[in-house]
Amino acid sequence: MLVLSTNERMILMLINQTDFIATQLQQIVYPNITAITETGASITIQTNQKQRDDPAFWQSISAILKAHLWVPVSKKYHELTDHDWLASPV
């Protein structure tokens, strides 16, 4: 198991955050999700076929919307990620 120092973890976090933006879900209109960024910009999150066909995904997204949680979305394609903000340790 690789153990990273606090500084190494911070660097990995910063590197990984450059590819993602923090968004808060605002509305679900199948198959898209509307969200707002930290700067107040509205974006449409595109869902993929696997997500569209997964009832558990929609239940989870609904719960996230109700809880007003922030989720990472890719900057380039406005897609939800299948991992968290933190980069995976090497």
Protein backbone atom coordinates (compact mmCIF):
# COMPACT_ATOMS: atom_id res chain seq x y z
CA MET A 1 0.00 0.00 0.00
CA LEU A 2 1.36 3.39 -1.02
CA VAL A 3 1.32 6.04 1.70
CA LEU A 4 1.33 9.65 0.52
CA SER A 5 2.34 12.68 2.53
CA THR A 6 -0.11 15.51 3.07
CA ASN A 7 1.70 17.61 0.46
CA GLU A 8 1.57 14.79 -2.10
CA ARG A 9 -2.17 14.34 -1.50
CA MET A 10 -2.73 18.09 -1.90
CA ILE A 11 -0.82 18.09 -5.20
CA LEU A 12 -2.87 15.16 -6.50
CA MET A 13 -6.07 16.94 -5.48
CA LEU A 14 -5.04 20.11 -7.30
CA ILE A 15 -4.02 18.23 -10.44
CA ASN A 16 -7.28 16.32 -10.54
CA GLN A 17 -9.44 19.38 -9.81
CA THR A 18 -8.24 21.13 -12.96
CA ASP A 19 -10.24 18.64 -15.05
CA PHE A 20 -13.46 19.01 -13.05
CA ILE A 21 -15.84 21.68 -11.85
CA ALA A 22 -17.98 21.62 -8.74
CA THR A 23 -21.67 21.65 -9.53
CA GLN A 24 -24.88 21.53 -7.57
CA LEU A 25 -27.78 19.75 -9.23
CA GLN A 26 -30.81 21.96 -9.93
CA GLN A 27 -33.21 19.92 -12.05
CA ILE A 28 -33.59 16.46 -13.55
CA VAL A 29 -35.30 16.23 -16.93
CA TYR A 30 -34.59 12.75 -18.30
CA PRO A 31 -32.10 12.14 -19.87
CA ASN A 32 -30.32 15.36 -18.83
CA ILE A 33 -29.51 17.01 -15.53
CA THR A 34 -29.25 20.76 -15.07
CA ALA A 35 -26.69 22.01 -12.58
CA ILE A 36 -25.14 25.25 -11.44
CA THR A 37 -21.42 25.82 -10.99
CA GLU A 38 -19.69 27.62 -8.12
CA THR A 39 -19.58 30.73 -10.29
CA GLY A 40 -23.33 30.60 -10.94
CA ALA A 41 -23.16 29.32 -14.52
CA SER A 42 -25.87 26.89 -15.55
CA ILE A 43 -24.76 23.72 -17.34
CA THR A 44 -26.48 20.65 -18.72
CA ILE A 45 -24.94 17.38 -17.62
CA GLN A 46 -25.07 14.74 -20.33
CA THR A 47 -25.85 11.20 -19.21
CA ASN A 48 -24.48 8.14 -20.98
CA GLN A 49 -26.50 5.10 -22.03
CA LYS A 50 -25.47 3.06 -19.00
CA GLN A 51 -26.67 5.83 -16.67
CA ARG A 52 -29.92 6.28 -18.62
CA ASP A 53 -30.75 2.59 -18.27
CA ASP A 54 -29.92 2.36 -14.55
CA PRO A 55 -32.82 3.01 -12.12
CA ALA A 56 -30.37 3.07 -9.18
CA PHE A 57 -28.48 5.91 -10.88
CA TRP A 58 -31.64 8.02 -11.10
CA GLN A 59 -32.52 7.28 -7.48
CA SER A 60 -29.03 8.36 -6.43
CA ILE A 61 -29.14 11.51 -8.55
CA SER A 62 -32.53 12.41 -7.08
CA ALA A 63 -31.16 11.97 -3.55
CA ILE A 64 -28.13 14.14 -4.40
CA LEU A 65 -30.42 16.85 -5.77
CA LYS A 66 -32.63 16.76 -2.65
CA ALA A 67 -29.59 16.96 -0.35
CA HIS A 68 -28.11 19.91 -2.31
CA LEU A 69 -24.75 18.14 -2.54
CA TRP A 70 -21.94 19.28 -4.82
CA VAL A 71 -20.70 16.80 -7.41
CA PRO A 72 -17.70 16.80 -9.77
CA VAL A 73 -18.43 17.21 -13.48
CA SER A 74 -15.87 17.09 -16.27
CA LYS A 75 -15.07 20.55 -17.60
CA LYS A 76 -14.79 19.53 -21.22
CA TYR A 77 -17.81 17.26 -21.72
CA HIS A 78 -20.05 18.14 -18.73
CA GLU A 79 -20.32 14.50 -17.67
CA LEU A 80 -20.55 13.06 -14.18
CA THR A 81 -17.51 11.11 -13.11
CA ASP A 82 -17.44 7.58 -11.77
CA HIS A 83 -14.89 8.60 -9.14
CA ASP A 84 -14.43 11.34 -6.57
CA TRP A 85 -12.51 14.62 -6.66
CA LEU A 86 -9.29 13.00 -5.52
CA ALA A 87 -6.88 11.43 -7.96
CA SER A 88 -6.26 7.76 -7.40
CA PRO A 89 -2.93 7.03 -5.73
CA VAL A 90 -0.37 5.52 -8.07
